[in-house]
């Protein structure tokens, strides 16, 4: 299963290369399980545009670690987390699962390319 998700992630990587989206980096020496495919957009506006465009195609990405815990009114710690808030507003998990077809990844990437260009 991990091998299949790794191949799918690599297809995303090559298809999204050169676009205004970035992948979070992994610490060296860690073994990644390819359970998610998060991408970080330049702005929340870009993220929301892509999310809406994908949903129109019946593709349902999800926000990742959104909202941040420091922004929840019932958790009043008084601490602000500006870096986490910035990333949380711009990060989206693209579909990634064992039965995902290569053509579906190509469709996801085509929608992203169209929306952010």
N, C-alpha and C. Protein backbone atom coordinates (compact mmCIF):
# COMPACT_ATOMS: atom_id res chain seq x y z
N UNK A 1 0.81 -1.21 0.00
CA UNK A 1 0.00 0.00 0.00
C UNK A 1 0.85 1.26 0.00
N UNK A 2 1.88 1.26 0.83
CA UNK A 2 2.74 2.44 0.88
C UNK A 2 3.40 2.65 -0.48
N UNK A 3 3.83 1.57 -1.11
CA UNK A 3 4.46 1.67 -2.43
C UNK A 3 3.54 2.29 -3.46
N UNK A 4 2.27 1.92 -3.44
CA UNK A 4 1.28 2.49 -4.38
C UNK A 4 1.09 3.98 -4.11
N UNK A 5 0.93 4.36 -2.84
CA UNK A 5 0.74 5.78 -2.51
C UNK A 5 2.00 6.59 -2.81
N UNK A 6 3.16 5.95 -2.67
CA UNK A 6 4.41 6.64 -3.02
C UNK A 6 4.43 6.95 -4.51
N UNK A 7 4.04 5.99 -5.35
CA UNK A 7 3.99 6.22 -6.80
C UNK A 7 3.00 7.33 -7.15
N UNK A 8 1.85 7.31 -6.49
CA UNK A 8 0.85 8.35 -6.74
C UNK A 8 1.39 9.72 -6.30
N UNK A 9 2.08 9.77 -5.17
CA UNK A 9 2.68 11.02 -4.70
C UNK A 9 3.73 11.53 -5.68
N UNK A 10 4.50 10.61 -6.22
CA UNK A 10 5.52 11.00 -7.21
C UNK A 10 4.88 11.57 -8.47
N UNK A 11 3.73 11.03 -8.86
CA UNK A 11 3.02 11.58 -10.01
C UNK A 11 2.53 12.99 -9.70
N UNK A 12 1.97 13.19 -8.52
CA UNK A 12 1.61 14.55 -8.10
C UNK A 12 2.83 15.46 -8.16
N UNK A 13 3.95 14.99 -7.58
CA UNK A 13 5.17 15.81 -7.56
C UNK A 13 5.56 16.27 -8.96
N UNK A 14 5.60 15.33 -9.90
CA UNK A 14 6.02 15.69 -11.26
C UNK A 14 4.98 16.56 -11.96
N UNK A 15 3.71 16.31 -11.72
CA UNK A 15 2.65 17.09 -12.37
C UNK A 15 2.54 18.51 -11.83
N UNK A 16 2.88 18.69 -10.57
CA UNK A 16 2.76 20.02 -9.95
C UNK A 16 4.08 20.79 -9.95
N UNK A 17 5.13 20.16 -10.43
CA UNK A 17 6.44 20.80 -10.48
C UNK A 17 6.38 22.09 -11.29
N UNK A 18 6.92 23.14 -10.74
CA UNK A 18 6.95 24.43 -11.43
C UNK A 18 5.73 25.30 -11.18
N UNK A 19 4.74 24.78 -10.48
CA UNK A 19 3.56 25.59 -10.15
C UNK A 19 3.78 26.30 -8.83
N UNK A 20 2.91 27.24 -8.55
CA UNK A 20 3.00 28.03 -7.32
C UNK A 20 2.39 27.28 -6.14
N UNK A 21 2.82 26.03 -5.96
CA UNK A 21 2.44 25.24 -4.79
C UNK A 21 3.71 24.55 -4.29
N UNK A 22 3.78 24.36 -2.99
CA UNK A 22 4.96 23.72 -2.40
C UNK A 22 4.52 22.56 -1.53
N UNK A 23 5.39 21.60 -1.41
CA UNK A 23 5.17 20.48 -0.51
C UNK A 23 5.92 20.74 0.79
N UNK A 24 5.32 20.43 1.92
CA UNK A 24 6.07 20.51 3.18
C UNK A 24 7.27 19.57 3.11
N UNK A 25 8.36 19.97 3.69
CA UNK A 25 9.56 19.14 3.66
C UNK A 25 9.54 18.14 4.82
N UNK A 26 10.25 17.06 4.64
CA UNK A 26 10.36 16.02 5.66
C UNK A 26 11.74 16.08 6.31
N UNK A 27 11.79 15.78 7.57
CA UNK A 27 13.07 15.69 8.26
C UNK A 27 13.89 14.56 7.66
N UNK A 28 15.17 14.76 7.53
CA UNK A 28 16.05 13.69 7.03
C UNK A 28 16.06 12.55 8.03
N UNK A 29 16.10 11.34 7.50
CA UNK A 29 16.16 10.16 8.34
C UNK A 29 14.80 9.61 8.74
N UNK A 30 13.73 10.32 8.40
CA UNK A 30 12.39 9.82 8.71
C UNK A 30 11.86 9.00 7.54
N UNK A 31 11.06 8.00 7.85
CA UNK A 31 10.43 7.19 6.82
C UNK A 31 9.01 7.69 6.63
N UNK A 32 8.71 8.23 5.46
CA UNK A 32 7.40 8.82 5.18
C UNK A 32 6.41 7.73 4.80
N UNK A 33 5.16 7.81 5.28
CA UNK A 33 4.16 6.77 5.01
C UNK A 33 3.20 7.11 3.87
N UNK A 34 3.30 8.29 3.29
CA UNK A 34 2.47 8.68 2.14
C UNK A 34 0.98 8.57 2.43
N UNK A 35 0.59 8.91 3.64
CA UNK A 35 -0.83 8.84 3.98
C UNK A 35 -1.59 10.08 3.53
N UNK A 36 -0.90 11.19 3.32
CA UNK A 36 -1.54 12.43 2.89
C UNK A 36 -0.69 13.06 1.78
N UNK A 37 -1.32 13.95 1.01
CA UNK A 37 -0.57 14.74 0.04
C UNK A 37 -0.91 16.21 0.24
N UNK A 38 -0.27 16.84 1.24
CA UNK A 38 -0.53 18.26 1.48
C UNK A 38 0.28 19.14 0.54
N UNK A 39 -0.34 20.24 0.10
CA UNK A 39 0.36 21.25 -0.69
C UNK A 39 0.06 22.62 -0.09
N UNK A 40 1.04 23.49 -0.16
CA UNK A 40 0.92 24.84 0.39
C UNK A 40 0.84 25.82 -0.78
N UNK A 41 -0.21 26.62 -0.79
CA UNK A 41 -0.40 27.63 -1.83
C UNK A 41 0.21 28.95 -1.38
N UNK A 42 0.39 29.87 -2.32
CA UNK A 42 0.95 31.18 -2.00
C UNK A 42 0.01 32.03 -1.16
N UNK A 43 -1.29 31.78 -1.30
CA UNK A 43 -2.27 32.58 -0.55
C UNK A 43 -3.50 31.74 -0.25
N UNK A 44 -4.26 32.17 0.75
CA UNK A 44 -5.52 31.49 1.04
C UNK A 44 -6.49 31.67 -0.12
N UNK A 45 -6.42 32.80 -0.80
CA UNK A 45 -7.27 33.03 -1.97
C UNK A 45 -7.04 31.96 -3.03
N UNK A 46 -5.76 31.65 -3.31
CA UNK A 46 -5.45 30.57 -4.27
C UNK A 46 -6.00 29.24 -3.79
N UNK A 47 -5.79 28.93 -2.51
CA UNK A 47 -6.30 27.69 -1.96
C UNK A 47 -7.80 27.58 -2.13
N UNK A 48 -8.53 28.63 -1.76
CA UNK A 48 -9.99 28.60 -1.83
C UNK A 48 -10.47 28.48 -3.27
N UNK A 49 -9.78 29.13 -4.20
CA UNK A 49 -10.15 29.02 -5.62
C UNK A 49 -9.96 27.60 -6.13
N UNK A 50 -8.84 26.97 -5.77
CA UNK A 50 -8.57 25.59 -6.18
C UNK A 50 -9.57 24.64 -5.53
N UNK A 51 -9.82 24.83 -4.26
CA UNK A 51 -10.77 23.96 -3.55
C UNK A 51 -12.15 24.02 -4.20
N UNK A 52 -12.60 25.21 -4.51
CA UNK A 52 -13.91 25.38 -5.15
C UNK A 52 -13.93 24.75 -6.54
N UNK A 53 -12.87 24.98 -7.31
CA UNK A 53 -12.80 24.41 -8.67
C UNK A 53 -12.78 22.88 -8.62
N UNK A 54 -12.05 22.31 -7.68
CA UNK A 54 -12.03 20.85 -7.55
C UNK A 54 -13.40 20.31 -7.14
N UNK A 55 -14.05 20.99 -6.22
CA UNK A 55 -15.37 20.53 -5.76
C UNK A 55 -16.40 20.57 -6.89
N UNK A 56 -16.26 21.53 -7.80
CA UNK A 56 -17.15 21.57 -8.96
C UNK A 56 -16.97 20.33 -9.84
N UNK A 57 -15.80 19.72 -9.77
CA UNK A 57 -15.49 18.51 -10.53
C UNK A 57 -15.76 17.25 -9.69
N UNK A 58 -16.43 17.43 -8.56
CA UNK A 58 -16.72 16.32 -7.64
C UNK A 58 -15.46 15.70 -7.05
N UNK A 59 -14.45 16.54 -6.84
CA UNK A 59 -13.20 16.15 -6.18
C UNK A 59 -13.16 16.92 -4.88
N UNK A 60 -12.96 16.21 -3.77
CA UNK A 60 -13.11 16.85 -2.48
C UNK A 60 -11.83 16.80 -1.65
N UNK A 61 -10.96 17.81 -1.84
CA UNK A 61 -9.77 17.91 -0.99
C UNK A 61 -10.21 18.39 0.40
N UNK A 62 -9.30 18.39 1.34
CA UNK A 62 -9.68 18.91 2.65
C UNK A 62 -8.61 19.84 3.20
N UNK A 63 -9.08 20.78 3.97
CA UNK A 63 -8.16 21.68 4.65
C UNK A 63 -7.36 20.84 5.64
N UNK A 64 -6.14 21.21 5.89
CA UNK A 64 -5.22 20.44 6.72
C UNK A 64 -4.89 21.26 7.96
N UNK A 65 -5.17 20.73 9.13
CA UNK A 65 -4.92 21.42 10.40
C UNK A 65 -5.55 22.80 10.41
N UNK A 66 -6.79 22.87 9.98
CA UNK A 66 -7.50 24.14 9.89
C UNK A 66 -8.81 24.03 10.62
N UNK A 67 -9.16 24.98 11.44
CA UNK A 67 -8.36 26.14 11.84
C UNK A 67 -7.33 25.74 12.89
N UNK A 68 -6.41 26.63 13.14
CA UNK A 68 -5.41 26.35 14.17
C UNK A 68 -6.06 26.42 15.54
N UNK A 69 -5.52 25.68 16.47
CA UNK A 69 -6.11 25.61 17.81
C UNK A 69 -6.11 26.96 18.51
N UNK A 70 -5.10 27.79 18.25
CA UNK A 70 -5.05 29.09 18.91
C UNK A 70 -6.16 30.04 18.46
N UNK A 71 -6.85 29.69 17.38
CA UNK A 71 -7.92 30.56 16.88
C UNK A 71 -9.31 30.14 17.37
N UNK A 72 -9.39 29.04 18.09
CA UNK A 72 -10.68 28.56 18.58
C UNK A 72 -11.07 29.30 19.85
N UNK A 73 -12.26 29.87 19.85
CA UNK A 73 -12.70 30.71 20.96
C UNK A 73 -12.79 29.96 22.28
N UNK A 74 -13.06 28.67 22.25
CA UNK A 74 -13.20 27.92 23.49
C UNK A 74 -11.86 27.43 24.05
N UNK A 75 -10.78 27.68 23.33
CA UNK A 75 -9.43 27.40 23.82
C UNK A 75 -8.69 28.72 23.96
N UNK A 76 -8.90 29.38 25.04
CA UNK A 76 -8.34 30.72 25.23
C UNK A 76 -7.02 30.64 25.99
N UNK A 77 -5.97 30.39 25.26
CA UNK A 77 -4.65 30.30 25.89
C UNK A 77 -3.95 31.65 25.91
N UNK A 78 -4.37 32.56 25.05
CA UNK A 78 -3.71 33.85 24.94
C UNK A 78 -2.46 33.80 24.08
N UNK A 79 -2.12 32.64 23.60
CA UNK A 79 -0.94 32.50 22.74
C UNK A 79 -1.35 32.57 21.28
N UNK A 80 -0.61 33.34 20.52
CA UNK A 80 -0.82 33.38 19.07
C UNK A 80 0.24 32.52 18.40
N UNK A 81 -0.15 31.90 17.32
CA UNK A 81 0.77 31.05 16.57
C UNK A 81 0.77 31.53 15.12
N UNK A 82 1.46 32.63 14.82
CA UNK A 82 1.38 33.22 13.48
C UNK A 82 1.90 32.33 12.36
N UNK A 83 2.93 31.55 12.60
CA UNK A 83 3.45 30.67 11.55
C UNK A 83 2.44 29.57 11.26
N UNK A 84 1.92 28.94 12.30
CA UNK A 84 0.91 27.89 12.12
C UNK A 84 -0.33 28.46 11.45
N UNK A 85 -0.75 29.65 11.84
CA UNK A 85 -1.94 30.27 11.24
C UNK A 85 -1.73 30.54 9.76
N UNK A 86 -0.54 31.00 9.41
CA UNK A 86 -0.24 31.28 8.01
C UNK A 86 -0.29 30.01 7.18
N UNK A 87 0.37 28.98 7.65
CA UNK A 87 0.38 27.72 6.90
C UNK A 87 -1.01 27.11 6.85
N UNK A 88 -1.71 27.09 7.97
CA UNK A 88 -3.05 26.47 8.02
C UNK A 88 -4.02 27.13 7.04
N UNK A 89 -3.83 28.41 6.80
CA UNK A 89 -4.74 29.11 5.88
C UNK A 89 -4.42 28.80 4.42
N UNK A 90 -3.24 28.18 4.17
CA UNK A 90 -2.80 27.97 2.79
C UNK A 90 -2.54 26.52 2.42
N UNK A 91 -2.78 25.58 3.34
CA UNK A 91 -2.44 24.18 3.07
C UNK A 91 -3.70 23.35 2.81
N UNK A 92 -3.60 22.50 1.81
CA UNK A 92 -4.73 21.68 1.37
C UNK A 92 -4.22 20.26 1.11
N UNK A 93 -4.98 19.27 1.54
CA UNK A 93 -4.63 17.87 1.24
C UNK A 93 -5.37 17.44 -0.01
N UNK A 94 -4.60 17.03 -0.99
CA UNK A 94 -5.18 16.51 -2.23
C UNK A 94 -5.53 15.03 -2.04
N UNK A 95 -6.46 14.52 -2.83
CA UNK A 95 -6.84 13.11 -2.68
C UNK A 95 -5.63 12.19 -2.84
N UNK A 96 -5.53 11.22 -1.94
CA UNK A 96 -4.47 10.21 -2.01
C UNK A 96 -4.96 8.96 -1.30
N UNK A 97 -5.22 7.91 -2.08
CA UNK A 97 -5.65 6.64 -1.52
C UNK A 97 -5.30 5.54 -2.51
N UNK A 98 -5.27 4.30 -2.02
CA UNK A 98 -4.78 3.17 -2.81
C UNK A 98 -5.45 3.00 -4.17
N UNK A 99 -6.75 3.20 -4.22
CA UNK A 99 -7.47 2.95 -5.48
C UNK A 99 -7.55 4.18 -6.40
N UNK A 100 -6.85 5.24 -6.03
CA UNK A 100 -6.83 6.44 -6.87
C UNK A 100 -6.15 6.11 -8.19
N UNK A 101 -6.78 6.51 -9.27
CA UNK A 101 -6.25 6.24 -10.60
C UNK A 101 -5.32 7.37 -11.05
N UNK A 102 -4.36 7.03 -11.90
CA UNK A 102 -3.44 8.03 -12.43
C UNK A 102 -4.20 9.13 -13.16
N UNK A 103 -5.25 8.76 -13.88
CA UNK A 103 -6.05 9.75 -14.62
C UNK A 103 -6.73 10.72 -13.65
N UNK A 104 -7.06 10.26 -12.46
CA UNK A 104 -7.69 11.16 -11.48
C UNK A 104 -6.67 12.17 -10.95
N UNK A 105 -5.44 11.73 -10.76
CA UNK A 105 -4.39 12.68 -10.35
C UNK A 105 -4.16 13.69 -11.46
N UNK A 106 -4.13 13.24 -12.68
CA UNK A 106 -3.96 14.16 -13.81
C UNK A 106 -5.09 15.18 -13.85
N UNK A 107 -6.31 14.74 -13.56
CA UNK A 107 -7.45 15.65 -13.53
C UNK A 107 -7.30 16.68 -12.41
N UNK A 108 -6.92 16.23 -11.22
CA UNK A 108 -6.69 17.14 -10.09
C UNK A 108 -5.66 18.18 -10.46
N UNK A 109 -4.55 17.75 -11.02
CA UNK A 109 -3.47 18.66 -11.39
C UNK A 109 -3.87 19.63 -12.50
N UNK A 110 -4.66 19.16 -13.44
CA UNK A 110 -5.15 20.04 -14.51
C UNK A 110 -6.03 21.16 -13.93
N UNK A 111 -6.87 20.82 -12.99
CA UNK A 111 -7.73 21.83 -12.35
C UNK A 111 -6.86 22.85 -11.60
N UNK A 112 -5.86 22.36 -10.88
CA UNK A 112 -4.98 23.27 -10.13
C UNK A 112 -4.24 24.18 -11.09
N UNK A 113 -3.68 23.63 -12.16
CA UNK A 113 -2.95 24.43 -13.13
C UNK A 113 -3.83 25.52 -13.72
N UNK A 114 -5.05 25.15 -14.08
CA UNK A 114 -5.97 26.11 -14.67
C UNK A 114 -6.33 27.21 -13.68
N UNK A 115 -6.52 26.84 -12.43
CA UNK A 115 -6.98 27.80 -11.42
C UNK A 115 -5.89 28.77 -10.98
N UNK A 116 -4.66 28.32 -10.86
CA UNK A 116 -3.62 29.22 -10.33
C UNK A 116 -2.81 29.91 -11.41
N UNK A 117 -3.06 29.59 -12.66
CA UNK A 117 -2.33 30.29 -13.75
C UNK A 117 -3.16 31.44 -14.30
